[in-house]
Amino acid sequence: MEHLARMSKRRKEAPLPASAAGLLRFFEEESKGIKIRPEVVIIVGAMLIVIVTIARIFFPL
């Protein structure tokens, strides 16, 4: 039983990635706040550009 516990613990603890001089350490942490997919950000940005362009055509200064 202890053997299985040790094996599952090893699986959860992934080794650190190799780096040039061992200076690079990467830890993926869960950050707080909203999570938005990159595709959504690109689409919203493109829609904003289109809306502003249409508004400038129909409502010139």
PDB file of N, CA and C in Angstrom:
ATOM      1  N   MET A   1       0.822  -1.186   0.000  1.00  0.00           N
ATOM      2  CA  MET A   1       0.000   0.000   0.000  1.00  0.00           C
ATOM      3  C   MET A   1       0.875   1.262   0.000  1.00  0.00           C
ATOM      4  N   GLU A   2       1.931   1.240   0.810  1.00  0.00           N
ATOM      5  CA  GLU A   2       2.830   2.386   0.849  1.00  0.00           C
ATOM      6  C   GLU A   2       3.530   2.577  -0.493  1.00  0.00           C
ATOM      7  N   HIS A   3       3.815   1.465  -1.153  1.00  0.00           N
ATOM      8  CA  HIS A   3       4.472   1.527  -2.459  1.00  0.00           C
ATOM      9  C   HIS A   3       3.609   2.293  -3.462  1.00  0.00           C
ATOM     10  N   LEU A   4       2.314   2.044  -3.461  1.00  0.00           N
ATOM     11  CA  LEU A   4       1.397   2.745  -4.363  1.00  0.00           C
ATOM     12  C   LEU A   4       1.321   4.228  -4.031  1.00  0.00           C
ATOM     13  N   ALA A   5       1.350   4.547  -2.748  1.00  0.00           N
ATOM     14  CA  ALA A   5       1.310   5.952  -2.345  1.00  0.00           C
ATOM     15  C   ALA A   5       2.557   6.683  -2.824  1.00  0.00           C
ATOM     16  N   ARG A   6       3.710   6.026  -2.727  1.00  0.00           N
ATOM     17  CA  ARG A   6       4.943   6.654  -3.199  1.00  0.00           C
ATOM     18  C   ARG A   6       4.936   6.827  -4.714  1.00  0.00           C
ATOM     19  N   MET A   7       4.403   5.849  -5.439  1.00  0.00           N
ATOM     20  CA  MET A   7       4.359   5.933  -6.896  1.00  0.00           C
ATOM     21  C   MET A   7       3.448   7.076  -7.343  1.00  0.00           C
ATOM     22  N   SER A   8       2.290   7.212  -6.706  1.00  0.00           N
ATOM     23  CA  SER A   8       1.375   8.286  -7.112  1.00  0.00           C
ATOM     24  C   SER A   8       1.952   9.645  -6.749  1.00  0.00           C
ATOM     25  N   LYS A   9       2.717   9.712  -5.652  1.00  0.00           N
ATOM     26  CA  LYS A   9       3.347  10.975  -5.286  1.00  0.00           C
ATOM     27  C   LYS A   9       4.399  11.367  -6.322  1.00  0.00           C
ATOM     28  N   ARG A  10       5.153  10.391  -6.811  1.00  0.00           N
ATOM     29  CA  ARG A  10       6.164  10.672  -7.830  1.00  0.00           C
ATOM     30  C   ARG A  10       5.517  11.164  -9.118  1.00  0.00           C
ATOM     31  N   ARG A  11       4.385  10.606  -9.475  1.00  0.00           N
ATOM     32  CA  ARG A  11       3.717  11.019 -10.707  1.00  0.00           C
ATOM     33  C   ARG A  11       3.241  12.465 -10.613  1.00  0.00           C
ATOM     34  N   LYS A  12       2.774  12.877  -9.446  1.00  0.00           N
ATOM     35  CA  LYS A  12       2.276  14.239  -9.271  1.00  0.00           C
ATOM     36  C   LYS A  12       3.411  15.257  -9.303  1.00  0.00           C
ATOM     37  N   GLU A  13       4.563  14.882  -8.799  1.00  0.00           N
ATOM     38  CA  GLU A  13       5.708  15.784  -8.752  1.00  0.00           C
ATOM     39  C   GLU A  13       6.536  15.594 -10.012  1.00  0.00           C
ATOM     40  N   ALA A  14       6.245  16.358 -11.032  1.00  0.00           N
ATOM     41  CA  ALA A  14       6.975  16.250 -12.287  1.00  0.00           C
ATOM     42  C   ALA A  14       8.352  16.867 -12.122  1.00  0.00           C
ATOM     43  N   PRO A  15       9.338  16.334 -12.806  1.00  0.00           N
ATOM     44  CA  PRO A  15      10.677  16.916 -12.708  1.00  0.00           C
ATOM     45  C   PRO A  15      10.713  18.284 -13.375  1.00  0.00           C
ATOM     46  N   LEU A  16      11.621  19.116 -12.906  1.00  0.00           N
ATOM     47  CA  LEU A  16      11.768  20.446 -13.501  1.00  0.00           C
ATOM     48  C   LEU A  16      12.382  20.324 -14.889  1.00  0.00           C
ATOM     49  N   PRO A  17      12.022  21.239 -15.792  1.00  0.00           N
ATOM     50  CA  PRO A  17      12.599  21.173 -17.136  1.00  0.00           C
ATOM     51  C   PRO A  17      14.094  21.476 -17.117  1.00  0.00           C
ATOM     52  N   ALA A  18      14.811  20.865 -18.038  1.00  0.00           N
ATOM     53  CA  ALA A  18      16.244  21.098 -18.128  1.00  0.00           C
ATOM     54  C   ALA A  18      16.508  22.494 -18.674  1.00  0.00           C
ATOM     55  N   SER A  19      17.538  23.141 -18.188  1.00  0.00           N
ATOM     56  CA  SER A  19      17.897  24.474 -18.681  1.00  0.00           C
ATOM     57  C   SER A  19      19.410  24.553 -18.822  1.00  0.00           C
ATOM     58  N   ALA A  20      19.866  25.675 -19.354  1.00  0.00           N
ATOM     59  CA  ALA A  20      21.291  25.828 -19.664  1.00  0.00           C
ATOM     60  C   ALA A  20      22.163  25.606 -18.438  1.00  0.00           C
ATOM     61  N   ALA A  21      21.939  26.350 -17.385  1.00  0.00           N
ATOM     62  CA  ALA A  21      22.786  26.207 -16.205  1.00  0.00           C
ATOM     63  C   ALA A  21      21.949  25.920 -14.968  1.00  0.00           C
ATOM     64  N   GLY A  22      20.763  25.412 -15.186  1.00  0.00           N
ATOM     65  CA  GLY A  22      19.876  25.156 -14.062  1.00  0.00           C
ATOM     66  C   GLY A  22      19.268  26.441 -13.527  1.00  0.00           C
ATOM     67  N   LEU A  23      19.325  27.515 -14.307  1.00  0.00           N
ATOM     68  CA  LEU A  23      18.826  28.803 -13.840  1.00  0.00           C
ATOM     69  C   LEU A  23      17.337  28.985 -14.117  1.00  0.00           C
ATOM     70  N   LEU A  24      16.813  28.246 -15.073  1.00  0.00           N
ATOM     71  CA  LEU A  24      15.415  28.394 -15.454  1.00  0.00           C
ATOM     72  C   LEU A  24      14.575  27.445 -14.629  1.00  0.00           C
ATOM     73  N   ARG A  25      13.596  27.992 -13.939  1.00  0.00           N
ATOM     74  CA  ARG A  25      12.663  27.167 -13.185  1.00  0.00           C
ATOM     75  C   ARG A  25      11.269  27.637 -13.539  1.00  0.00           C
ATOM     76  N   PHE A  26      10.434  26.730 -13.979  1.00  0.00           N
ATOM     77  CA  PHE A  26       9.084  27.070 -14.413  1.00  0.00           C
ATOM     78  C   PHE A  26       8.085  26.373 -13.512  1.00  0.00           C
ATOM     79  N   PHE A  27       7.193  27.148 -12.952  1.00  0.00           N
ATOM     80  CA  PHE A  27       6.128  26.603 -12.139  1.00  0.00           C
ATOM     81  C   PHE A  27       4.813  27.127 -12.685  1.00  0.00           C
ATOM     82  N   GLU A  28       3.931  26.208 -13.051  1.00  0.00           N
ATOM     83  CA  GLU A  28       2.627  26.619 -13.536  1.00  0.00           C
ATOM     84  C   GLU A  28       1.718  26.764 -12.320  1.00  0.00           C
ATOM     85  N   GLU A  29       1.329  27.989 -12.042  1.00  0.00           N
ATOM     86  CA  GLU A  29       0.496  28.260 -10.888  1.00  0.00           C
ATOM     87  C   GLU A  29      -0.864  28.729 -11.354  1.00  0.00           C
ATOM     88  N   GLU A  30      -1.857  28.392 -10.576  1.00  0.00           N
ATOM     89  CA  GLU A  30      -3.191  28.891 -10.854  1.00  0.00           C
ATOM     90  C   GLU A  30      -3.265  30.320 -10.367  1.00  0.00           C
ATOM     91  N   SER A  31      -3.555  31.232 -11.270  1.00  0.00           N
ATOM     92  CA  SER A  31      -3.656  32.627 -10.876  1.00  0.00           C
ATOM     93  C   SER A  31      -5.117  32.967 -10.633  1.00  0.00           C
ATOM     94  N   LYS A  32      -5.331  33.964  -9.805  1.00  0.00           N
ATOM     95  CA  LYS A  32      -6.686  34.396  -9.500  1.00  0.00           C
ATOM     96  C   LYS A  32      -7.173  35.334 -10.591  1.00  0.00           C
ATOM     97  N   GLY A  33      -8.457  35.485 -10.705  1.00  0.00           N
ATOM     98  CA  GLY A  33      -9.033  36.382 -11.695  1.00  0.00           C
ATOM     99  C   GLY A  33      -9.734  35.618 -12.797  1.00  0.00           C
ATOM    100  N   ILE A  34     -10.265  36.379 -13.741  1.00  0.00           N
ATOM    101  CA  ILE A  34     -10.999  35.751 -14.823  1.00  0.00           C
ATOM    102  C   ILE A  34     -10.030  35.120 -15.819  1.00  0.00           C
ATOM    103  N   LYS A  35     -10.478  34.055 -16.451  1.00  0.00           N
ATOM    104  CA  LYS A  35      -9.660  33.372 -17.448  1.00  0.00           C
ATOM    105  C   LYS A  35     -10.388  33.486 -18.780  1.00  0.00           C
ATOM    106  N   ILE A  36      -9.715  34.069 -19.772  1.00  0.00           N
ATOM    107  CA  ILE A  36     -10.287  34.264 -21.095  1.00  0.00           C
ATOM    108  C   ILE A  36      -9.369  33.583 -22.100  1.00  0.00           C
ATOM    109  N   ARG A  37      -9.979  32.839 -23.011  1.00  0.00           N
ATOM    110  CA  ARG A  37      -9.194  32.181 -24.056  1.00  0.00           C
ATOM    111  C   ARG A  37      -8.639  33.229 -25.010  1.00  0.00           C
ATOM    112  N   PRO A  38      -7.448  33.005 -25.565  1.00  0.00           N
ATOM    113  CA  PRO A  38      -6.843  33.972 -26.489  1.00  0.00           C
ATOM    114  C   PRO A  38      -7.697  34.235 -27.721  1.00  0.00           C
ATOM    115  N   GLU A  39      -8.415  33.223 -28.187  1.00  0.00           N
ATOM    116  CA  GLU A  39      -9.269  33.413 -29.354  1.00  0.00           C
ATOM    117  C   GLU A  39     -10.348  34.458 -29.089  1.00  0.00           C
ATOM    118  N   VAL A  40     -10.897  34.444 -27.884  1.00  0.00           N
ATOM    119  CA  VAL A  40     -11.946  35.405 -27.523  1.00  0.00           C
ATOM    120  C   VAL A  40     -11.383  36.823 -27.526  1.00  0.00           C
ATOM    121  N   VAL A  41     -10.185  36.996 -27.024  1.00  0.00           N
ATOM    122  CA  VAL A  41      -9.564  38.322 -26.984  1.00  0.00           C
ATOM    123  C   VAL A  41      -9.345  38.847 -28.406  1.00  0.00           C
ATOM    124  N   ILE A  42      -8.877  37.989 -29.306  1.00  0.00           N
ATOM    125  CA  ILE A  42      -8.646  38.398 -30.700  1.00  0.00           C
ATOM    126  C   ILE A  42      -9.965  38.770 -31.368  1.00  0.00           C
ATOM    127  N   ILE A  43     -11.002  37.966 -31.177  1.00  0.00           N
ATOM    128  CA  ILE A  43     -12.305  38.235 -31.795  1.00  0.00           C
ATOM    129  C   ILE A  43     -12.901  39.534 -31.276  1.00  0.00           C
ATOM    130  N   VAL A  44     -12.843  39.757 -29.973  1.00  0.00           N
ATOM    131  CA  VAL A  44     -13.383  40.995 -29.398  1.00  0.00           C
ATOM    132  C   VAL A  44     -12.603  42.201 -29.912  1.00  0.00           C
ATOM    133  N   GLY A  45     -11.301  42.091 -30.001  1.00  0.00           N
ATOM    134  CA  GLY A  45     -10.488  43.186 -30.538  1.00  0.00           C
ATOM    135  C   GLY A  45     -10.829  43.499 -31.986  1.00  0.00           C
ATOM    136  N   ALA A  46     -11.007  42.459 -32.811  1.00  0.00           N
ATOM    137  CA  ALA A  46     -11.369  42.661 -34.214  1.00  0.00           C
ATOM    138  C   ALA A  46     -12.750  43.291 -34.327  1.00  0.00           C
ATOM    139  N   MET A  47     -13.686  42.852 -33.492  1.00  0.00           N
ATOM    140  CA  MET A  47     -15.031  43.442 -33.512  1.00  0.00           C
ATOM    141  C   MET A  47     -14.992  44.910 -33.116  1.00  0.00           C
ATOM    142  N   LEU A  48     -14.168  45.255 -32.160  1.00  0.00           N
ATOM    143  CA  LEU A  48     -14.039  46.652 -31.740  1.00  0.00           C
ATOM    144  C   LEU A  48     -13.495  47.511 -32.881  1.00  0.00           C
ATOM    145  N   ILE A  49     -12.527  47.004 -33.614  1.00  0.00           N
ATOM    146  CA  ILE A  49     -11.968  47.737 -34.751  1.00  0.00           C
ATOM    147  C   ILE A  49     -13.041  47.960 -35.813  1.00  0.00           C
ATOM    148  N   VAL A  50     -13.822  46.921 -36.096  1.00  0.00           N
ATOM    149  CA  VAL A  50     -14.886  47.039 -37.101  1.00  0.00           C
ATOM    150  C   VAL A  50     -15.942  48.043 -36.650  1.00  0.00           C
ATOM    151  N   ILE A  51     -16.348  47.998 -35.409  1.00  0.00           N
ATOM    152  CA  ILE A  51     -17.369  48.921 -34.898  1.00  0.00           C
ATOM    153  C   ILE A  51     -16.874  50.358 -34.965  1.00  0.00           C
ATOM    154  N   VAL A  52     -15.638  50.608 -34.585  1.00  0.00           N
ATOM    155  CA  VAL A  52     -15.089  51.958 -34.628  1.00  0.00           C
ATOM    156  C   VAL A  52     -14.990  52.446 -36.071  1.00  0.00           C
ATOM    157  N   THR A  53     -14.575  51.583 -36.982  1.00  0.00           N
ATOM    158  CA  THR A  53     -14.479  51.954 -38.398  1.00  0.00           C
ATOM    159  C   THR A  53     -15.859  52.306 -38.959  1.00  0.00           C
ATOM    160  N   ILE A  54     -16.863  51.493 -38.673  1.00  0.00           N
ATOM    161  CA  ILE A  54     -18.224  51.772 -39.145  1.00  0.00           C
ATOM    162  C   ILE A  54     -18.750  53.060 -38.526  1.00  0.00           C
ATOM    163  N   ALA A  55     -18.481  53.285 -37.253  1.00  0.00           N
ATOM    164  CA  ALA A  55     -18.944  54.517 -36.590  1.00  0.00           C
ATOM    165  C   ALA A  55     -18.289  55.749 -37.220  1.00  0.00           C
ATOM    166  N   ARG A  56     -17.022  55.653 -37.590  1.00  0.00           N
ATOM    167  CA  ARG A  56     -16.348  56.798 -38.229  1.00  0.00           C
ATOM    168  C   ARG A  56     -16.914  57.066 -39.614  1.00  0.00           C
ATOM    169  N   ILE A  57     -17.365  56.037 -40.322  1.00  0.00           N
ATOM    170  CA  ILE A  57     -17.951  56.232 -41.667  1.00  0.00           C
ATOM    171  C   ILE A  57     -19.322  56.894 -41.546  1.00  0.00           C
ATOM    172  N   PHE A  58     -20.166  56.407 -40.629  1.00  0.00           N
ATOM    173  CA  PHE A  58     -21.535  56.923 -40.517  1.00  0.00           C
ATOM    174  C   PHE A  58     -21.633  58.191 -39.693  1.00  0.00           C
ATOM    175  N   PHE A  59     -20.687  58.448 -38.809  1.00  0.00           N
ATOM    176  CA  PHE A  59     -20.709  59.631 -37.958  1.00  0.00           C
ATOM    177  C   PHE A  59     -19.366  60.361 -38.034  1.00  0.00           C
ATOM    178  N   PRO A  60     -19.081  60.996 -39.195  1.00  0.00           N
ATOM    179  CA  PRO A  60     -17.782  61.696 -39.316  1.00  0.00           C
ATOM    180  C   PRO A  60     -17.728  62.920 -38.415  1.00  0.00           C
ATOM    181  N   LEU A  61     -16.545  63.291 -38.008  1.00  0.00           N
ATOM    182  CA  LEU A  61     -16.383  64.454 -37.135  1.00  0.00           C
ATOM    183  C   LEU A  61     -16.381  65.736 -37.924  1.00  0.00           C
TER     184      LEU A  61
END
